[in-house]
Amino acid sequence: YRASRSIILDELSAFSELDPANIAPADGGFYVYVDLGENNVAPGLGSVAMCKALLEEENVAFTPGNDFEDPSGNLGDRRFRISYAGGIETAKRAMERFYKFWPTWMERVQAAR
């Protein structure tokens, strides 16, 4: 799991729009928790929409944060989880596809602002 975790963390560091302080590797879990931040979301385009689009367009399943945050706030729709329980090759492919998807996501967010 360490290798998969390292792959995900290393790849996320290439996303200049993601603040490294908003990337939290779990201690004892099998996931990395990411906060998209204010600039990478727009009305109707939060982590739920991003995860849905990523799944439909790139066949990569990340988990929106709305299941892990207080429902009375909006942090759940800014955050998502990336599991590293699937193994090294799965982590590599998922992050390659996420990296490919990211610019299209940012275009959508900018257009919605």
C-alpha atoms as a PDB file:
ATOM      1  CA  TYR A   1       0.000   0.000   0.000  1.00  0.00           C
ATOM      2  CA  ARG A   2       2.901   2.355   0.630  1.00  0.00           C
ATOM      3  CA  ALA A   3       3.903   2.311  -3.034  1.00  0.00           C
ATOM      4  CA  SER A   4       0.353   3.066  -4.210  1.00  0.00           C
ATOM      5  CA  ARG A   5       0.050   5.836  -1.631  1.00  0.00           C
ATOM      6  CA  SER A   6       3.340   7.353  -2.798  1.00  0.00           C
ATOM      7  CA  ILE A   7       2.246   7.238  -6.443  1.00  0.00           C
ATOM      8  CA  ILE A   8      -0.968   9.101  -5.640  1.00  0.00           C
ATOM      9  CA  LEU A   9       0.741  11.714  -3.467  1.00  0.00           C
ATOM     10  CA  ASP A  10       3.511  12.262  -6.023  1.00  0.00           C
ATOM     11  CA  GLU A  11       1.023  12.670  -8.869  1.00  0.00           C
ATOM     12  CA  LEU A  12      -1.158  15.072  -6.873  1.00  0.00           C
ATOM     13  CA  SER A  13       1.875  17.279  -6.300  1.00  0.00           C
ATOM     14  CA  ALA A  14       1.899  17.960 -10.073  1.00  0.00           C
ATOM     15  CA  PHE A  15      -1.493  19.694  -9.851  1.00  0.00           C
ATOM     16  CA  SER A  16      -0.529  23.324  -9.335  1.00  0.00           C
ATOM     17  CA  GLU A  17      -4.144  24.263  -8.597  1.00  0.00           C
ATOM     18  CA  LEU A  18      -4.283  21.943  -5.575  1.00  0.00           C
ATOM     19  CA  ASP A  19      -2.786  23.384  -2.403  1.00  0.00           C
ATOM     20  CA  PRO A  20      -0.499  20.734  -0.859  1.00  0.00           C
ATOM     21  CA  ALA A  21      -1.956  21.673   2.540  1.00  0.00           C
ATOM     22  CA  ASN A  22      -5.323  20.418   1.216  1.00  0.00           C
ATOM     23  CA  ILE A  23      -4.034  16.899   0.548  1.00  0.00           C
ATOM     24  CA  ALA A  24      -4.273  14.657   3.582  1.00  0.00           C
ATOM     25  CA  PRO A  25      -2.928  11.118   3.451  1.00  0.00           C
ATOM     26  CA  ALA A  26      -4.760   8.984   5.983  1.00  0.00           C
ATOM     27  CA  ASP A  27      -2.870   7.596   8.915  1.00  0.00           C
ATOM     28  CA  GLY A  28      -3.945   3.976   9.093  1.00  0.00           C
ATOM     29  CA  GLY A  29      -6.489   4.232   6.257  1.00  0.00           C
ATOM     30  CA  PHE A  30      -6.213   3.307   2.610  1.00  0.00           C
ATOM     31  CA  TYR A  31      -7.073   6.622   1.035  1.00  0.00           C
ATOM     32  CA  VAL A  32      -5.897  10.159   0.414  1.00  0.00           C
ATOM     33  CA  TYR A  33      -8.374  12.926   1.242  1.00  0.00           C
ATOM     34  CA  VAL A  34      -8.264  15.969  -1.035  1.00  0.00           C
ATOM     35  CA  ASP A  35      -9.894  19.379  -0.629  1.00  0.00           C
ATOM     36  CA  LEU A  36     -10.429  21.026  -4.015  1.00  0.00           C
ATOM     37  CA  GLY A  37     -10.321  24.475  -2.427  1.00  0.00           C
ATOM     38  CA  GLU A  38     -12.418  27.493  -3.341  1.00  0.00           C
ATOM     39  CA  ASN A  39     -10.914  28.065  -6.792  1.00  0.00           C
ATOM     40  CA  ASN A  40     -11.487  24.576  -8.190  1.00  0.00           C
ATOM     41  CA  VAL A  41     -15.249  24.425  -7.647  1.00  0.00           C
ATOM     42  CA  ALA A  42     -18.200  26.476  -8.875  1.00  0.00           C
ATOM     43  CA  PRO A  43     -21.942  26.380  -8.215  1.00  0.00           C
ATOM     44  CA  GLY A  44     -23.109  22.898  -9.203  1.00  0.00           C
ATOM     45  CA  LEU A  45     -19.514  21.824  -9.896  1.00  0.00           C
ATOM     46  CA  GLY A  46     -18.175  20.402  -6.671  1.00  0.00           C
ATOM     47  CA  SER A  47     -16.663  17.050  -5.794  1.00  0.00           C
ATOM     48  CA  VAL A  48     -19.883  15.152  -6.515  1.00  0.00           C
ATOM     49  CA  ALA A  49     -20.009  16.500 -10.082  1.00  0.00           C
ATOM     50  CA  MET A  50     -16.262  16.046 -10.518  1.00  0.00           C
ATOM     51  CA  CYS A  51     -16.299  12.432  -9.350  1.00  0.00           C
ATOM     52  CA  LYS A  52     -19.302  11.679 -11.560  1.00  0.00           C
ATOM     53  CA  ALA A  53     -17.648  13.222 -14.629  1.00  0.00           C
ATOM     54  CA  LEU A  54     -14.338  11.475 -13.894  1.00  0.00           C
ATOM     55  CA  LEU A  55     -16.123   8.127 -13.663  1.00  0.00           C
ATOM     56  CA  GLU A  56     -18.147   8.661 -16.829  1.00  0.00           C
ATOM     57  CA  GLU A  57     -15.333  10.116 -18.925  1.00  0.00           C
ATOM     58  CA  GLU A  58     -12.219   8.323 -17.682  1.00  0.00           C
ATOM     59  CA  ASN A  59     -13.600   5.250 -15.857  1.00  0.00           C
ATOM     60  CA  VAL A  60     -11.962   6.328 -12.606  1.00  0.00           C
ATOM     61  CA  ALA A  61     -13.913   6.109  -9.353  1.00  0.00           C
ATOM     62  CA  PHE A  62     -13.045   8.619  -6.645  1.00  0.00           C
ATOM     63  CA  THR A  63     -15.438   9.123  -3.738  1.00  0.00           C
ATOM     64  CA  PRO A  64     -17.040  12.541  -3.132  1.00  0.00           C
ATOM     65  CA  GLY A  65     -16.579  13.911   0.363  1.00  0.00           C
ATOM     66  CA  ASN A  66     -20.255  14.491   1.069  1.00  0.00           C
ATOM     67  CA  ASP A  67     -20.419  11.072   2.783  1.00  0.00           C
ATOM     68  CA  PHE A  68     -17.586  12.019   5.140  1.00  0.00           C
ATOM     69  CA  GLU A  69     -18.396  15.586   6.173  1.00  0.00           C
ATOM     70  CA  ASP A  70     -21.064  17.302   8.251  1.00  0.00           C
ATOM     71  CA  PRO A  71     -24.100  17.586   5.950  1.00  0.00           C
ATOM     72  CA  SER A  72     -24.959  21.031   7.340  1.00  0.00           C
ATOM     73  CA  GLY A  73     -21.789  22.490   5.781  1.00  0.00           C
ATOM     74  CA  ASN A  74     -20.412  22.642   2.249  1.00  0.00           C
ATOM     75  CA  LEU A  75     -17.031  20.983   2.794  1.00  0.00           C
ATOM     76  CA  GLY A  76     -18.276  17.618   1.558  1.00  0.00           C
ATOM     77  CA  ASP A  77     -18.776  18.980  -1.929  1.00  0.00           C
ATOM     78  CA  ARG A  78     -15.233  20.391  -1.957  1.00  0.00           C
ATOM     79  CA  ARG A  79     -13.537  17.188  -0.846  1.00  0.00           C
ATOM     80  CA  PHE A  80     -13.017  13.700  -2.225  1.00  0.00           C
ATOM     81  CA  ARG A  81     -11.174  10.492  -1.415  1.00  0.00           C
ATOM     82  CA  ILE A  82      -8.766   8.495  -3.530  1.00  0.00           C
ATOM     83  CA  SER A  83      -8.345   4.907  -2.391  1.00  0.00           C
ATOM     84  CA  TYR A  84      -4.993   3.215  -2.761  1.00  0.00           C
ATOM     85  CA  ALA A  85      -6.239  -0.254  -1.860  1.00  0.00           C
ATOM     86  CA  GLY A  86      -6.416  -1.281  -5.535  1.00  0.00           C
ATOM     87  CA  GLY A  87      -2.704  -1.768  -6.052  1.00  0.00           C
ATOM     88  CA  ILE A  88       0.175  -0.068  -7.809  1.00  0.00           C
ATOM     89  CA  GLU A  89      -0.946  -0.417 -11.434  1.00  0.00           C
ATOM     90  CA  THR A  90      -4.466   0.712 -10.605  1.00  0.00           C
ATOM     91  CA  ALA A  91      -3.106   3.767  -8.785  1.00  0.00           C
ATOM     92  CA  LYS A  92      -0.847   4.631 -11.736  1.00  0.00           C
ATOM     93  CA  ARG A  93      -3.647   4.323 -14.308  1.00  0.00           C
ATOM     94  CA  ALA A  94      -6.119   6.224 -12.162  1.00  0.00           C
ATOM     95  CA  MET A  95      -3.742   9.115 -11.620  1.00  0.00           C
ATOM     96  CA  GLU A  96      -2.771   9.238 -15.315  1.00  0.00           C
ATOM     97  CA  ARG A  97      -6.443   9.472 -16.216  1.00  0.00           C
ATOM     98  CA  PHE A  98      -7.123  12.049 -13.508  1.00  0.00           C
ATOM     99  CA  TYR A  99      -4.226  14.152 -14.785  1.00  0.00           C
ATOM    100  CA  LYS A 100      -5.701  13.952 -18.300  1.00  0.00           C
ATOM    101  CA  PHE A 101      -9.183  14.853 -16.990  1.00  0.00           C
ATOM    102  CA  TRP A 102      -8.115  17.766 -14.752  1.00  0.00           C
ATOM    103  CA  PRO A 103      -7.749  20.497 -17.444  1.00  0.00           C
ATOM    104  CA  THR A 104     -11.265  19.771 -18.715  1.00  0.00           C
ATOM    105  CA  TRP A 105     -12.556  20.051 -15.163  1.00  0.00           C
ATOM    106  CA  MET A 106     -10.867  23.403 -14.704  1.00  0.00           C
ATOM    107  CA  GLU A 107     -12.359  24.649 -18.001  1.00  0.00           C
ATOM    108  CA  ARG A 108     -15.840  23.742 -16.732  1.00  0.00           C
ATOM    109  CA  VAL A 109     -15.277  25.490 -13.419  1.00  0.00           C
ATOM    110  CA  GLN A 110     -13.958  28.638 -15.086  1.00  0.00           C
ATOM    111  CA  ALA A 111     -16.869  28.700 -17.551  1.00  0.00           C
ATOM    112  CA  ALA A 112     -19.374  28.387 -14.683  1.00  0.00           C
ATOM    113  CA  ARG A 113     -17.947  31.320 -12.723  1.00  0.00           C
END
